[in-house]
Protein backbone atom coordinates (compact mmCIF):
# COMPACT_ATOMS: atom_id res chain seq x y z
CA MET A 1 36.57 18.96 39.51
CA LYS A 2 37.57 15.66 37.45
CA GLN A 3 40.48 16.61 36.66
CA CYS A 4 41.45 17.14 40.66
CA ALA A 5 39.67 13.11 41.03
CA ARG A 6 41.84 11.96 38.01
CA THR A 7 45.06 13.47 39.33
CA THR A 8 44.08 11.93 43.03
CA ILE A 9 43.98 8.63 41.10
CA VAL A 10 47.12 8.60 39.73
CA TYR A 11 49.35 10.46 42.14
CA GLY A 12 47.83 7.66 44.48
CA LEU A 13 48.95 5.11 42.43
CA VAL A 14 52.64 6.73 41.97
CA SER A 15 52.83 6.93 45.41
CA ALA A 16 52.14 3.42 46.49
CA LEU A 17 54.35 2.36 44.02
CA THR A 18 57.36 4.86 45.08
CA VAL A 19 56.60 4.64 48.81
CA ILE A 20 57.25 1.59 50.64
CA PRO A 21 60.40 1.10 47.83
CA THR A 22 61.42 4.69 48.98
CA ALA A 23 61.00 3.60 52.89
CA GLY A 24 63.06 0.37 51.87
CA LEU A 25 65.94 2.66 50.96
CA VAL A 26 65.49 4.99 53.91
CA ALA A 27 65.17 1.95 56.50
CA HIS A 28 68.87 1.03 56.04
CA CYS A 29 70.17 4.11 57.75
CA THR A 30 66.94 4.27 60.24
CA SER A 31 64.97 1.70 61.57
CA TRP A 32 61.80 0.39 59.69
CA THR A 33 59.04 3.03 61.20
CA THR A 34 60.95 6.14 61.47
CA ALA A 35 61.40 5.25 57.78
CA LEU A 36 57.85 4.65 56.98
CA THR A 37 56.58 7.85 58.92
CA PHE A 38 58.76 9.88 57.31
CA VAL A 39 58.36 8.70 53.75
CA LEU A 40 54.74 8.87 54.77
CA TRP A 41 54.91 12.67 55.43
CA ILE A 42 56.85 13.73 52.32
CA ASP A 43 54.34 12.44 50.14
CA LEU A 44 51.35 13.81 52.69
CA PHE A 45 53.24 17.12 51.66
CA PHE A 46 53.30 16.84 47.74
CA TYR A 47 50.06 16.19 47.79
CA THR A 48 48.62 19.34 49.89
CA ILE A 49 50.91 20.90 47.18
CA PHE A 50 48.57 20.18 45.14
CA LEU A 51 45.33 20.81 47.26
CA ALA A 52 47.37 24.33 47.38
CA ARG A 53 48.08 24.73 44.18
CA TRP A 54 43.85 23.36 43.09
CA SER A 55 42.34 25.47 45.62
CA ARG A 56 44.67 28.53 44.54
CA THR A 57 45.75 29.11 48.19
CA PRO A 58 49.00 30.27 49.28
CA PHE A 59 51.86 28.24 50.15
CA PHE A 60 52.37 29.74 53.42
CA SER A 61 48.69 28.75 54.21
CA ILE A 62 49.34 25.11 54.87
CA ILE A 63 52.85 25.53 56.41
CA TYR A 64 51.67 25.10 59.74
CA PRO A 65 49.46 22.21 59.87
CA LEU A 66 52.82 20.23 57.14
CA PHE A 67 54.91 21.26 60.49
CA LEU A 68 53.12 19.61 62.99
CA SER A 69 52.60 16.58 61.14
CA LEU A 70 56.11 16.41 60.67
CA ALA A 71 57.01 17.21 64.39
CA THR A 72 54.73 13.93 65.17
CA ALA A 73 56.77 11.98 62.06
CA LEU A 74 59.98 13.07 63.74
CA TRP A 75 59.03 12.18 67.30
CA ALA A 76 55.90 9.45 66.95
CA ASP A 77 57.16 5.78 68.11
CA ARG A 78 54.62 4.04 66.37
CA CYS A 79 53.14 4.77 63.15
CA LEU A 80 49.53 4.69 64.29
CA GLU A 81 50.34 8.20 65.85
CA LEU A 82 51.61 9.69 62.57
CA ILE A 83 49.05 8.40 60.89
CA ILE A 84 46.28 9.50 63.34
CA PHE A 85 47.57 13.07 63.34
CA GLY A 86 48.61 12.86 59.45
CA LEU A 87 44.80 12.50 58.88
CA GLY A 88 43.78 15.10 61.39
CA ALA A 89 46.56 17.82 59.55
CA PHE A 90 45.17 16.58 55.80
CA ALA A 91 41.86 17.55 57.26
CA TRP A 92 42.84 20.43 58.74
CA ILE A 93 44.66 21.92 55.37
CA ARG A 94 41.94 20.48 52.60
CA GLY A 95 38.94 21.06 54.13
CA GLY A 96 39.89 24.51 56.82
CA ILE A 97 42.26 25.82 54.91
CA CYS A 98 42.13 25.16 50.96
CA PHE A 99 38.09 23.88 49.94
CA CYS A 100 36.82 25.69 52.97
CA ARG A 101 33.82 27.30 51.34
CA THR A 102 31.08 24.86 52.46
CA PRO A 103 31.74 24.15 56.08
CA VAL A 104 28.68 21.80 56.52
CA ARG A 105 29.51 19.94 52.93
CA CYS A 106 33.57 19.62 54.25
CA ILE A 107 32.93 18.24 57.28
CA LEU A 108 30.70 15.77 56.27
CA ALA A 109 33.10 14.88 52.87
CA GLU A 110 36.30 14.66 55.53
CA THR A 111 34.08 12.49 57.43
CA ILE A 112 33.19 10.17 54.62
CA THR A 113 36.36 9.92 52.39
CA LEU A 114 39.45 9.37 56.16
CA VAL A 115 37.22 7.41 57.86
CA GLY A 116 36.29 5.04 54.54
CA GLY A 117 39.89 5.71 53.23
CA ALA A 118 41.79 4.80 57.03
CA GLY A 119 39.00 1.85 57.25
CA LEU A 120 40.27 0.11 53.65
CA VAL A 121 43.98 0.18 55.17
CA PHE A 122 43.00 -0.97 58.24
CA LEU A 123 40.69 -3.86 57.06
CA PHE A 124 43.64 -5.43 54.80
CA ARG A 125 45.57 -5.18 57.99
CA PRO A 126 49.41 -4.14 56.19
CA GLU A 127 51.99 -5.79 57.49
CA THR A 128 53.78 -6.79 54.29
CA GLY A 129 55.20 -4.14 51.51
CA ILE A 130 52.80 -5.00 48.68
CA VAL A 131 49.68 -5.15 50.75
CA GLN A 132 50.63 -1.64 52.24
CA ALA A 133 50.95 -0.32 48.59
CA MET A 134 47.77 -1.63 48.44
CA GLY A 135 46.67 0.38 50.89
CA ILE A 136 47.57 3.51 50.37
CA TRP A 137 46.32 3.02 46.51
CA LEU A 138 42.55 2.19 47.88
CA PHE A 139 43.36 5.13 50.68
CA PHE A 140 43.84 7.83 47.22
CA LEU A 141 40.71 6.36 45.37
CA VAL A 142 38.72 7.47 48.48
CA GLN A 143 40.05 10.44 48.71
CA ALA A 144 39.27 11.37 44.85
CA LEU A 145 35.39 11.06 46.42
CA TYR A 146 35.56 14.31 47.64
CA PHE A 147 36.15 16.14 44.64
CA PHE A 148 32.53 15.37 44.16
CA ILE A 149 31.43 15.60 47.28
CA VAL A 150 32.82 19.50 47.49
CA PRO A 151 32.50 20.96 44.66
CA MET A 152 35.61 23.04 43.11
CA ASN A 153 33.14 25.92 42.57
CA THR A 154 30.15 27.39 43.71
CA GLY A 155 27.52 29.15 41.78
CA LYS A 156 28.06 30.84 38.89
CA GLN A 157 31.93 30.96 39.69
CA ARG A 158 34.09 29.24 37.13
CA ASP A 159 37.44 29.99 36.96
CA VAL A 160 39.06 29.85 32.84
CA ALA A 161 42.10 27.91 34.41
CA SER A 162 39.42 25.47 34.80
CA LEU A 163 38.01 25.48 31.30
CA ASP A 164 39.37 23.36 28.58
CA PRO A 165 40.31 25.95 25.70
CA PHE A 166 37.16 24.88 23.55
CA GLU A 167 34.45 25.60 26.22
CA HIS A 168 37.15 29.29 27.01
CA ALA A 169 36.82 30.18 23.52
CA LEU A 170 33.00 29.28 22.89
CA GLN A 171 31.95 31.43 26.07
CA LYS A 172 34.19 34.46 24.89
CA ALA A 173 32.69 33.94 21.38
CA SER A 174 29.15 34.36 22.75
CA ARG A 175 30.19 37.05 25.04
CA LEU A 176 30.91 38.52 21.85
CA LEU A 177 27.47 37.63 20.25
CA ALA A 178 25.72 39.62 22.86
CA GLU A 179 27.19 42.75 23.11
C-alpha cells in the first residue's frame, strides 16, 4: 500500500516535469489543446498500467475504458471534455476494475480523491505551464490518498510480492517452527 502511494507521488512529479514540455513539442504539429489532451491521455495510460500491475489485473480488462478516453481525447474540442471523461474512465479503471473488493469504500475513495484532485487543479486556474505542472503534481498527491482509504489486501490475504524479503523469511521461519 505504501509502495503504491509512494510510486504515485513520484509518478506525479515525473508527469508534472514531462507533460507540459512534451505537449509543447507536440504542439508544433497540431494545436495546443489537441497536444495537451493527447499527452494527458498518454500519462493516464501509463498510470493505469501501474494500477493494473499493482492489482494483478489483466491488461485486457482496462483496454475498453482506455480506448473510450482516447476517442474523447482525439475528438474533444476542449481540454475540459477530456478531463471530465478522463476522470470518469480513471475512476472506472481504478475503482471498478482494479481495486473493487469493497464497493462502498471505493466509491467514497474515488469521490474524495477525484473531486479533491480536480478541485485543487481548478482552484489554481492553470493557464501557464508552471501552474499546469503544479496542478498535475497536486492531482497525483491527492490520488496517493486512495491507497490509504482502500486497502490493497483485505483480511488475512497478504501476497508474497507485497512483503519485503525479511518479512517473508520471518513468516517462513515461523511456519517451520510451528510445524
